[in-house]
């Protein structure tokens, strides 16, 4: 199972607000089987890497379908194969170590 951090930024839009574009992308995630967490600076997606990458591609392309001419998509992938992990588990691990010292 992979944990992916995603940020999609449309370039050349009229407003400085991007929330309507973020909402467009999140609607696509809601329609997918993937687990996700929306944060202030990006979205964390957990699930099968192939399904995540397929969904990210669809999200990226949806911005062009909406008439945009340029989109920057940043992807950070943590693909651990020795055990099942999650975004929550990663945070708990760090907090646990903080509480030890």
PDB file of N, CA and C in Angstrom:
ATOM      1  N   UNK A   1       0.841  -1.177   0.000  1.00  0.00           N
ATOM      2  CA  UNK A   1       0.000   0.000   0.000  1.00  0.00           C
ATOM      3  C   UNK A   1       0.884   1.238   0.000  1.00  0.00           C
ATOM      4  N   UNK A   2       0.518   2.210  -0.807  1.00  0.00           N
ATOM      5  CA  UNK A   2       1.302   3.425  -0.941  1.00  0.00           C
ATOM      6  C   UNK A   2       0.624   4.587  -0.222  1.00  0.00           C
ATOM      7  N   UNK A   3       1.443   5.517   0.222  1.00  0.00           N
ATOM      8  CA  UNK A   3       0.982   6.792   0.761  1.00  0.00           C
ATOM      9  C   UNK A   3       1.563   7.862  -0.148  1.00  0.00           C
ATOM     10  N   UNK A   4       0.697   8.685  -0.718  1.00  0.00           N
ATOM     11  CA  UNK A   4       1.115   9.670  -1.712  1.00  0.00           C
ATOM     12  C   UNK A   4       0.652  11.048  -1.275  1.00  0.00           C
ATOM     13  N   UNK A   5       1.565  12.011  -1.376  1.00  0.00           N
ATOM     14  CA  UNK A   5       1.213  13.407  -1.133  1.00  0.00           C
ATOM     15  C   UNK A   5       1.105  14.085  -2.493  1.00  0.00           C
ATOM     16  N   UNK A   6       0.002  14.779  -2.711  1.00  0.00           N
ATOM     17  CA  UNK A   6      -0.298  15.354  -4.022  1.00  0.00           C
ATOM     18  C   UNK A   6      -0.643  16.826  -3.908  1.00  0.00           C
ATOM     19  N   UNK A   7      -0.144  17.589  -4.855  1.00  0.00           N
ATOM     20  CA  UNK A   7      -0.522  18.987  -4.990  1.00  0.00           C
ATOM     21  C   UNK A   7      -0.665  19.288  -6.477  1.00  0.00           C
ATOM     22  N   UNK A   8      -1.833  19.788  -6.871  1.00  0.00           N
ATOM     23  CA  UNK A   8      -2.076  20.171  -8.259  1.00  0.00           C
ATOM     24  C   UNK A   8      -2.349  21.666  -8.276  1.00  0.00           C
ATOM     25  N   UNK A   9      -1.577  22.395  -9.065  1.00  0.00           N
ATOM     26  CA  UNK A   9      -1.692  23.847  -9.101  1.00  0.00           C
ATOM     27  C   UNK A   9      -1.992  24.303 -10.529  1.00  0.00           C
ATOM     28  N   UNK A  10      -3.168  24.899 -10.740  1.00  0.00           N
ATOM     29  CA  UNK A  10      -3.463  25.457 -12.053  1.00  0.00           C
ATOM     30  C   UNK A  10      -2.742  26.787 -12.226  1.00  0.00           C
ATOM     31  N   UNK A  11      -2.195  26.995 -13.392  1.00  0.00           N
ATOM     32  CA  UNK A  11      -1.458  28.237 -13.688  1.00  0.00           C
ATOM     33  C   UNK A  11      -2.269  29.078 -14.680  1.00  0.00           C
ATOM     34  N   UNK A  12      -2.284  30.379 -14.467  1.00  0.00           N
ATOM     35  CA  UNK A  12      -2.945  31.288 -15.394  1.00  0.00           C
ATOM     36  C   UNK A  12      -4.433  31.461 -15.149  1.00  0.00           C
ATOM     37  N   UNK A  13      -4.874  31.207 -13.917  1.00  0.00           N
ATOM     38  CA  UNK A  13      -6.287  31.419 -13.605  1.00  0.00           C
ATOM     39  C   UNK A  13      -6.496  32.877 -13.207  1.00  0.00           C
ATOM     40  N   UNK A  14      -7.741  33.333 -13.305  1.00  0.00           N
ATOM     41  CA  UNK A  14      -8.032  34.747 -13.071  1.00  0.00           C
ATOM     42  C   UNK A  14      -7.937  35.165 -11.611  1.00  0.00           C
ATOM     43  N   UNK A  15      -8.250  34.269 -10.700  1.00  0.00           N
ATOM     44  CA  UNK A  15      -8.306  34.599  -9.283  1.00  0.00           C
ATOM     45  C   UNK A  15      -7.101  34.023  -8.542  1.00  0.00           C
ATOM     46  N   UNK A  16      -6.790  34.597  -7.396  1.00  0.00           N
ATOM     47  CA  UNK A  16      -5.747  34.017  -6.547  1.00  0.00           C
ATOM     48  C   UNK A  16      -6.285  32.848  -5.732  1.00  0.00           C
ATOM     49  N   UNK A  17      -7.602  32.708  -5.669  1.00  0.00           N
ATOM     50  CA  UNK A  17      -8.225  31.599  -4.945  1.00  0.00           C
ATOM     51  C   UNK A  17      -8.241  30.360  -5.837  1.00  0.00           C
ATOM     52  N   UNK A  18      -7.813  29.245  -5.266  1.00  0.00           N
ATOM     53  CA  UNK A  18      -7.783  27.987  -6.020  1.00  0.00           C
ATOM     54  C   UNK A  18      -8.755  26.954  -5.471  1.00  0.00           C
ATOM     55  N   UNK A  19      -9.571  27.323  -4.497  1.00  0.00           N
ATOM     56  CA  UNK A  19     -10.433  26.353  -3.816  1.00  0.00           C
ATOM     57  C   UNK A  19     -11.424  25.672  -4.755  1.00  0.00           C
ATOM     58  N   UNK A  20     -11.913  26.352  -5.766  1.00  0.00           N
ATOM     59  CA  UNK A  20     -12.854  25.707  -6.690  1.00  0.00           C
ATOM     60  C   UNK A  20     -12.157  24.617  -7.493  1.00  0.00           C
ATOM     61  N   UNK A  21     -10.878  24.817  -7.810  1.00  0.00           N
ATOM     62  CA  UNK A  21     -10.113  23.795  -8.522  1.00  0.00           C
ATOM     63  C   UNK A  21      -9.791  22.610  -7.609  1.00  0.00           C
ATOM     64  N   UNK A  22      -9.484  22.914  -6.354  1.00  0.00           N
ATOM     65  CA  UNK A  22      -9.240  21.847  -5.379  1.00  0.00           C
ATOM     66  C   UNK A  22     -10.515  21.018  -5.214  1.00  0.00           C
ATOM     67  N   UNK A  23     -11.650  21.671  -5.108  1.00  0.00           N
ATOM     68  CA  UNK A  23     -12.922  20.963  -4.958  1.00  0.00           C
ATOM     69  C   UNK A  23     -13.179  20.058  -6.161  1.00  0.00           C
ATOM     70  N   UNK A  24     -12.858  20.527  -7.343  1.00  0.00           N
ATOM     71  CA  UNK A  24     -13.013  19.720  -8.561  1.00  0.00           C
ATOM     72  C   UNK A  24     -12.187  18.437  -8.450  1.00  0.00           C
ATOM     73  N   UNK A  25     -10.960  18.543  -7.992  1.00  0.00           N
ATOM     74  CA  UNK A  25     -10.087  17.378  -7.855  1.00  0.00           C
ATOM     75  C   UNK A  25     -10.575  16.444  -6.744  1.00  0.00           C
ATOM     76  N   UNK A  26     -11.038  17.001  -5.635  1.00  0.00           N
ATOM     77  CA  UNK A  26     -11.499  16.187  -4.511  1.00  0.00           C
ATOM     78  C   UNK A  26     -12.757  15.411  -4.887  1.00  0.00           C
ATOM     79  N   UNK A  27     -13.614  15.985  -5.722  1.00  0.00           N
ATOM     80  CA  UNK A  27     -14.789  15.245  -6.193  1.00  0.00           C
ATOM     81  C   UNK A  27     -14.360  13.955  -6.900  1.00  0.00           C
ATOM     82  N   UNK A  28     -13.285  14.030  -7.644  1.00  0.00           N
ATOM     83  CA  UNK A  28     -12.784  12.849  -8.352  1.00  0.00           C
ATOM     84  C   UNK A  28     -12.253  11.820  -7.362  1.00  0.00           C
ATOM     85  N   UNK A  29     -11.581  12.275  -6.311  1.00  0.00           N
ATOM     86  CA  UNK A  29     -11.103  11.350  -5.287  1.00  0.00           C
ATOM     87  C   UNK A  29     -12.263  10.691  -4.550  1.00  0.00           C
ATOM     88  N   UNK A  30     -13.294  11.458  -4.264  1.00  0.00           N
ATOM     89  CA  UNK A  30     -14.467  10.894  -3.587  1.00  0.00           C
ATOM     90  C   UNK A  30     -15.107   9.776  -4.405  1.00  0.00           C
ATOM     91  N   UNK A  31     -15.032   9.887  -5.726  1.00  0.00           N
ATOM     92  CA  UNK A  31     -15.624   8.874  -6.608  1.00  0.00           C
ATOM     93  C   UNK A  31     -14.732   7.641  -6.755  1.00  0.00           C
ATOM     94  N   UNK A  32     -13.524   7.708  -6.237  1.00  0.00           N
ATOM     95  CA  UNK A  32     -12.571   6.604  -6.346  1.00  0.00           C
ATOM     96  C   UNK A  32     -12.633   5.734  -5.086  1.00  0.00           C
ATOM     97  N   UNK A  33     -12.020   4.549  -5.137  1.00  0.00           N
ATOM     98  CA  UNK A  33     -11.979   3.695  -3.941  1.00  0.00           C
ATOM     99  C   UNK A  33     -10.866   4.075  -2.962  1.00  0.00           C
ATOM    100  N   UNK A  34     -10.162   5.144  -3.226  1.00  0.00           N
ATOM    101  CA  UNK A  34      -8.991   5.516  -2.440  1.00  0.00           C
ATOM    102  C   UNK A  34      -9.369   6.257  -1.162  1.00  0.00           C
ATOM    103  N   UNK A  35      -8.528   6.094  -0.145  1.00  0.00           N
ATOM    104  CA  UNK A  35      -8.658   6.877   1.080  1.00  0.00           C
ATOM    105  C   UNK A  35      -7.822   8.145   0.886  1.00  0.00           C
ATOM    106  N   UNK A  36      -8.312   9.255   1.402  1.00  0.00           N
ATOM    107  CA  UNK A  36      -7.540  10.495   1.256  1.00  0.00           C
ATOM    108  C   UNK A  36      -7.818  11.428   2.420  1.00  0.00           C
ATOM    109  N   UNK A  37      -6.874  12.336   2.605  1.00  0.00           N
ATOM    110  CA  UNK A  37      -6.993  13.378   3.624  1.00  0.00           C
ATOM    111  C   UNK A  37      -6.615  14.699   2.972  1.00  0.00           C
ATOM    112  N   UNK A  38      -7.541  15.632   2.960  1.00  0.00           N
ATOM    113  CA  UNK A  38      -7.286  16.964   2.439  1.00  0.00           C
ATOM    114  C   UNK A  38      -6.581  17.773   3.519  1.00  0.00           C
ATOM    115  N   UNK A  39      -5.453  18.388   3.180  1.00  0.00           N
ATOM    116  CA  UNK A  39      -4.753  19.262   4.120  1.00  0.00           C
ATOM    117  C   UNK A  39      -4.698  20.667   3.518  1.00  0.00           C
ATOM    118  N   UNK A  40      -4.203  21.601   4.274  1.00  0.00           N
ATOM    119  CA  UNK A  40      -4.154  22.987   3.804  1.00  0.00           C
ATOM    120  C   UNK A  40      -3.221  23.183   2.611  1.00  0.00           C
ATOM    121  N   UNK A  41      -2.227  22.296   2.464  1.00  0.00           N
ATOM    122  CA  UNK A  41      -1.223  22.494   1.425  1.00  0.00           C
ATOM    123  C   UNK A  41      -1.167  21.365   0.395  1.00  0.00           C
ATOM    124  N   UNK A  42      -2.059  20.410   0.493  1.00  0.00           N
ATOM    125  CA  UNK A  42      -2.050  19.295  -0.445  1.00  0.00           C
ATOM    126  C   UNK A  42      -3.010  18.222   0.029  1.00  0.00           C
ATOM    127  N   UNK A  43      -2.945  17.083  -0.618  1.00  0.00           N
ATOM    128  CA  UNK A  43      -3.819  15.966  -0.279  1.00  0.00           C
ATOM    129  C   UNK A  43      -2.972  14.711  -0.120  1.00  0.00           C
ATOM    130  N   UNK A  44      -3.269  13.927   0.912  1.00  0.00           N
ATOM    131  CA  UNK A  44      -2.585  12.663   1.155  1.00  0.00           C
ATOM    132  C   UNK A  44      -3.526  11.549   0.736  1.00  0.00           C
ATOM    133  N   UNK A  45      -3.049  10.676  -0.141  1.00  0.00           N
ATOM    134  CA  UNK A  45      -3.856   9.589  -0.679  1.00  0.00           C
ATOM    135  C   UNK A  45      -3.212   8.270  -0.282  1.00  0.00           C
ATOM    136  N   UNK A  46      -4.042   7.317   0.163  1.00  0.00           N
ATOM    137  CA  UNK A  46      -3.557   5.999   0.559  1.00  0.00           C
ATOM    138  C   UNK A  46      -4.290   4.940  -0.244  1.00  0.00           C
ATOM    139  N   UNK A  47      -3.532   3.958  -0.739  1.00  0.00           N
ATOM    140  CA  UNK A  47      -4.160   2.863  -1.462  1.00  0.00           C
ATOM    141  C   UNK A  47      -3.196   2.176  -2.396  1.00  0.00           C
ATOM    142  N   UNK A  48      -3.759   1.454  -3.352  1.00  0.00           N
ATOM    143  CA  UNK A  48      -2.983   0.766  -4.367  1.00  0.00           C
ATOM    144  C   UNK A  48      -2.307   1.794  -5.275  1.00  0.00           C
ATOM    145  N   UNK A  49      -0.997   1.661  -5.475  1.00  0.00           N
ATOM    146  CA  UNK A  49      -0.243   2.668  -6.232  1.00  0.00           C
ATOM    147  C   UNK A  49      -0.769   2.822  -7.654  1.00  0.00           C
ATOM    148  N   UNK A  50      -1.097   1.728  -8.321  1.00  0.00           N
ATOM    149  CA  UNK A  50      -1.615   1.830  -9.691  1.00  0.00           C
ATOM    150  C   UNK A  50      -2.915   2.632  -9.728  1.00  0.00           C
ATOM    151  N   UNK A  51      -3.798   2.383  -8.766  1.00  0.00           N
ATOM    152  CA  UNK A  51      -5.066   3.116  -8.714  1.00  0.00           C
ATOM    153  C   UNK A  51      -4.829   4.591  -8.382  1.00  0.00           C
ATOM    154  N   UNK A  52      -3.883   4.851  -7.490  1.00  0.00           N
ATOM    155  CA  UNK A  52      -3.563   6.237  -7.147  1.00  0.00           C
ATOM    156  C   UNK A  52      -3.048   6.988  -8.367  1.00  0.00           C
ATOM    157  N   UNK A  53      -2.095   6.395  -9.084  1.00  0.00           N
ATOM    158  CA  UNK A  53      -1.520   7.065 -10.247  1.00  0.00           C
ATOM    159  C   UNK A  53      -2.557   7.273 -11.345  1.00  0.00           C
ATOM    160  N   UNK A  54      -3.437   6.306 -11.531  1.00  0.00           N
ATOM    161  CA  UNK A  54      -4.520   6.444 -12.517  1.00  0.00           C
ATOM    162  C   UNK A  54      -5.421   7.626 -12.142  1.00  0.00           C
ATOM    163  N   UNK A  55      -5.774   7.706 -10.872  1.00  0.00           N
ATOM    164  CA  UNK A  55      -6.654   8.783 -10.407  1.00  0.00           C
ATOM    165  C   UNK A  55      -5.966  10.138 -10.498  1.00  0.00           C
ATOM    166  N   UNK A  56      -4.690  10.195 -10.147  1.00  0.00           N
ATOM    167  CA  UNK A  56      -3.943  11.454 -10.255  1.00  0.00           C
ATOM    168  C   UNK A  56      -3.919  11.927 -11.709  1.00  0.00           C
ATOM    169  N   UNK A  57      -3.695  11.011 -12.626  1.00  0.00           N
ATOM    170  CA  UNK A  57      -3.682  11.375 -14.055  1.00  0.00           C
ATOM    171  C   UNK A  57      -5.038  11.959 -14.467  1.00  0.00           C
ATOM    172  N   UNK A  58      -6.128  11.330 -14.016  1.00  0.00           N
ATOM    173  CA  UNK A  58      -7.466  11.831 -14.334  1.00  0.00           C
ATOM    174  C   UNK A  58      -7.693  13.219 -13.734  1.00  0.00           C
ATOM    175  N   UNK A  59      -7.222  13.412 -12.505  1.00  0.00           N
ATOM    176  CA  UNK A  59      -7.363  14.716 -11.860  1.00  0.00           C
ATOM    177  C   UNK A  59      -6.573  15.776 -12.623  1.00  0.00           C
ATOM    178  N   UNK A  60      -5.342  15.447 -12.967  1.00  0.00           N
ATOM    179  CA  UNK A  60      -4.471  16.360 -13.708  1.00  0.00           C
ATOM    180  C   UNK A  60      -5.123  16.748 -15.044  1.00  0.00           C
ATOM    181  N   UNK A  61      -5.602  15.760 -15.771  1.00  0.00           N
ATOM    182  CA  UNK A  61      -6.210  16.006 -17.083  1.00  0.00           C
ATOM    183  C   UNK A  61      -7.513  16.790 -16.981  1.00  0.00           C
ATOM    184  N   UNK A  62      -8.223  16.659 -15.857  1.00  0.00           N
ATOM    185  CA  UNK A  62      -9.502  17.368 -15.715  1.00  0.00           C
ATOM    186  C   UNK A  62      -9.321  18.881 -15.741  1.00  0.00           C
ATOM    187  N   UNK A  63      -8.174  19.349 -15.316  1.00  0.00           N
ATOM    188  CA  UNK A  63      -7.909  20.785 -15.341  1.00  0.00           C
ATOM    189  C   UNK A  63      -7.784  21.286 -16.779  1.00  0.00           C
ATOM    190  N   UNK A  64      -7.173  20.485 -17.627  1.00  0.00           N
ATOM    191  CA  UNK A  64      -7.082  20.852 -19.043  1.00  0.00           C
ATOM    192  C   UNK A  64      -8.461  20.784 -19.696  1.00  0.00           C
ATOM    193  N   UNK A  65      -9.244  19.786 -19.324  1.00  0.00           N
ATOM    194  CA  UNK A  65     -10.596  19.662 -19.859  1.00  0.00           C
ATOM    195  C   UNK A  65     -11.455  20.862 -19.457  1.00  0.00           C
ATOM    196  N   UNK A  66     -11.100  21.505 -18.341  1.00  0.00           N
ATOM    197  CA  UNK A  66     -11.823  22.690 -17.875  1.00  0.00           C
ATOM    198  C   UNK A  66     -11.344  23.956 -18.573  1.00  0.00           C
ATOM    199  N   UNK A  67     -10.385  23.824 -19.503  1.00  0.00           N
ATOM    200  CA  UNK A  67      -9.946  24.969 -20.289  1.00  0.00           C
ATOM    201  C   UNK A  67      -8.613  25.571 -19.899  1.00  0.00           C
ATOM    202  N   UNK A  68      -7.960  25.023 -18.873  1.00  0.00           N
ATOM    203  CA  UNK A  68      -6.661  25.570 -18.484  1.00  0.00           C
ATOM    204  C   UNK A  68      -5.590  25.162 -19.482  1.00  0.00           C
ATOM    205  N   UNK A  69      -4.555  25.955 -19.569  1.00  0.00           N
ATOM    206  CA  UNK A  69      -3.470  25.699 -20.511  1.00  0.00           C
ATOM    207  C   UNK A  69      -2.204  25.180 -19.840  1.00  0.00           C
ATOM    208  N   UNK A  70      -2.110  25.331 -18.501  1.00  0.00           N
ATOM    209  CA  UNK A  70      -0.909  24.893 -17.784  1.00  0.00           C
ATOM    210  C   UNK A  70      -1.277  24.432 -16.377  1.00  0.00           C
ATOM    211  N   UNK A  71      -0.715  23.303 -15.980  1.00  0.00           N
ATOM    212  CA  UNK A  71      -0.979  22.725 -14.670  1.00  0.00           C
ATOM    213  C   UNK A  71       0.325  22.144 -14.136  1.00  0.00           C
ATOM    214  N   UNK A  72       0.620  22.405 -12.872  1.00  0.00           N
ATOM    215  CA  UNK A  72       1.783  21.805 -12.222  1.00  0.00           C
ATOM    216  C   UNK A  72       1.279  20.810 -11.184  1.00  0.00           C
ATOM    217  N   UNK A  73       1.708  19.561 -11.319  1.00  0.00           N
ATOM    218  CA  UNK A  73       1.318  18.518 -10.382  1.00  0.00           C
ATOM    219  C   UNK A  73       2.572  17.976  -9.709  1.00  0.00           C
ATOM    220  N   UNK A  74       2.586  18.032  -8.379  1.00  0.00           N
ATOM    221  CA  UNK A  74       3.701  17.500  -7.604  1.00  0.00           C
ATOM    222  C   UNK A  74       3.222  16.256  -6.876  1.00  0.00           C
ATOM    223  N   UNK A  75       4.031  15.197  -6.961  1.00  0.00           N
ATOM    224  CA  UNK A  75       3.678  13.925  -6.351  1.00  0.00           C
ATOM    225  C   UNK A  75       4.864  13.428  -5.530  1.00  0.00           C
ATOM    226  N   UNK A  76       4.585  13.061  -4.280  1.00  0.00           N
ATOM    227  CA  UNK A  76       5.589  12.426  -3.424  1.00  0.00           C
ATOM    228  C   UNK A  76       5.026  11.068  -3.030  1.00  0.00           C
ATOM    229  N   UNK A  77       5.786   9.995  -3.308  1.00  0.00           N
ATOM    230  CA  UNK A  77       5.295   8.634  -3.093  1.00  0.00           C
ATOM    231  C   UNK A  77       6.122   7.924  -2.028  1.00  0.00           C
ATOM    232  N   UNK A  78       5.442   7.351  -1.030  1.00  0.00           N
ATOM    233  CA  UNK A  78       6.056   6.445  -0.065  1.00  0.00           C
ATOM    234  C   UNK A  78       5.432   5.081  -0.325  1.00  0.00           C
ATOM    235  N   UNK A  79       6.184   4.215  -0.972  1.00  0.00           N
ATOM    236  CA  UNK A  79       5.682   2.897  -1.373  1.00  0.00           C
ATOM    237  C   UNK A  79       6.448   1.842  -0.590  1.00  0.00           C
ATOM    238  N   UNK A  80       5.930   1.506   0.564  1.00  0.00           N
ATOM    239  CA  UNK A  80       6.594   0.548   1.445  1.00  0.00           C
ATOM    240  C   UNK A  80       6.031  -0.839   1.200  1.00  0.00           C
ATOM    241  N   UNK A  81       6.913  -1.823   0.971  1.00  0.00           N
ATOM    242  CA  UNK A  81       6.456  -3.162   0.603  1.00  0.00           C
ATOM    243  C   UNK A  81       6.672  -4.203   1.697  1.00  0.00           C
ATOM    244  N   UNK A  82       7.361  -3.848   2.783  1.00  0.00           N
ATOM    245  CA  UNK A  82       7.620  -4.845   3.822  1.00  0.00           C
ATOM    246  C   UNK A  82       6.483  -4.963   4.828  1.00  0.00           C
ATOM    247  N   UNK A  83       5.620  -3.939   4.923  1.00  0.00           N
ATOM    248  CA  UNK A  83       4.446  -4.022   5.792  1.00  0.00           C
ATOM    249  C   UNK A  83       3.447  -2.961   5.364  1.00  0.00           C
ATOM    250  N   UNK A  84       2.212  -3.160   5.774  1.00  0.00           N
ATOM    251  CA  UNK A  84       1.155  -2.214   5.426  1.00  0.00           C
ATOM    252  C   UNK A  84       1.314  -0.968   6.280  1.00  0.00           C
ATOM    253  N   UNK A  85       1.249   0.180   5.643  1.00  0.00           N
ATOM    254  CA  UNK A  85       1.376   1.441   6.364  1.00  0.00           C
ATOM    255  C   UNK A  85       0.239   2.380   5.996  1.00  0.00           C
ATOM    256  N   UNK A  86       0.147   3.447   6.727  1.00  0.00           N
ATOM    257  CA  UNK A  86      -0.858   4.474   6.445  1.00  0.00           C
ATOM    258  C   UNK A  86      -0.306   5.821   6.881  1.00  0.00           C
ATOM    259  N   UNK A  87      -0.958   6.864   6.434  1.00  0.00           N
ATOM    260  CA  UNK A  87      -0.555   8.204   6.848  1.00  0.00           C
ATOM    261  C   UNK A  87      -0.696   8.353   8.361  1.00  0.00           C
ATOM    262  N   UNK A  88      -1.774   7.805   8.920  1.00  0.00           N
ATOM    263  CA  UNK A  88      -2.009   7.896  10.358  1.00  0.00           C
ATOM    264  C   UNK A  88      -0.914   7.169  11.132  1.00  0.00           C
ATOM    265  N   UNK A  89      -0.515   6.003  10.637  1.00  0.00           N
ATOM    266  CA  UNK A  89       0.531   5.216  11.297  1.00  0.00           C
ATOM    267  C   UNK A  89       1.846   5.978  11.307  1.00  0.00           C
ATOM    268  N   UNK A  90       2.152   6.684  10.219  1.00  0.00           N
ATOM    269  CA  UNK A  90       3.395   7.437  10.148  1.00  0.00           C
ATOM    270  C   UNK A  90       3.417   8.546  11.204  1.00  0.00           C
ATOM    271  N   UNK A  91       2.297   9.232  11.372  1.00  0.00           N
ATOM    272  CA  UNK A  91       2.201  10.303  12.370  1.00  0.00           C
ATOM    273  C   UNK A  91       2.293   9.724  13.782  1.00  0.00           C
ATOM    274  N   UNK A  92       1.567   8.627  14.040  1.00  0.00           N
ATOM    275  CA  UNK A  92       1.604   7.996  15.364  1.00  0.00           C
ATOM    276  C   UNK A  92       3.015   7.561  15.739  1.00  0.00           C
ATOM    277  N   UNK A  93       3.762   7.069  14.770  1.00  0.00           N
ATOM    278  CA  UNK A  93       5.132   6.630  15.034  1.00  0.00           C
ATOM    279  C   UNK A  93       5.995   7.790  15.513  1.00  0.00           C
ATOM    280  N   UNK A  94       5.899   8.917  14.849  1.00  0.00           N
ATOM    281  CA  UNK A  94       6.694  10.090  15.243  1.00  0.00           C
ATOM    282  C   UNK A  94       6.240  10.604  16.608  1.00  0.00           C
ATOM    283  N   UNK A  95       4.927  10.700  16.824  1.00  0.00           N
ATOM    284  CA  UNK A  95       4.415  11.180  18.114  1.00  0.00           C
ATOM    285  C   UNK A  95       4.826  10.255  19.243  1.00  0.00           C
ATOM    286  N   UNK A  96       4.834   8.969  18.990  1.00  0.00           N
ATOM    287  CA  UNK A  96       5.262   8.010  20.002  1.00  0.00           C
ATOM    288  C   UNK A  96       6.708   8.224  20.393  1.00  0.00           C
ATOM    289  N   UNK A  97       7.553   8.502  19.425  1.00  0.00           N
ATOM    290  CA  UNK A  97       8.968   8.756  19.720  1.00  0.00           C
ATOM    291  C   UNK A  97       9.160  10.072  20.459  1.00  0.00           C
ATOM    292  N   UNK A  98       8.330  11.068  20.152  1.00  0.00           N
ATOM    293  CA  UNK A  98       8.400  12.339  20.872  1.00  0.00           C
ATOM    294  C   UNK A  98       8.026  12.152  22.341  1.00  0.00           C
ATOM    295  N   UNK A  99       7.050  11.326  22.592  1.00  0.00           N
ATOM    296  CA  UNK A  99       6.577  11.082  23.957  1.00  0.00           C
ATOM    297  C   UNK A  99       7.559  10.256  24.765  1.00  0.00           C
ATOM    298  N   UNK A 100       8.475   9.532  24.113  1.00  0.00           N
ATOM    299  CA  UNK A 100       9.466   8.723  24.810  1.00  0.00           C
ATOM    300  C   UNK A 100      10.565   9.583  25.427  1.00  0.00           C
ATOM    301  N   UNK A 101      10.846  10.704  24.809  1.00  0.00           N
ATOM    302  CA  UNK A 101      11.990  11.515  25.260  1.00  0.00           C
ATOM    303  C   UNK A 101      11.556  12.703  25.953  1.00  0.00           C
TER     304      UNK A 101
END
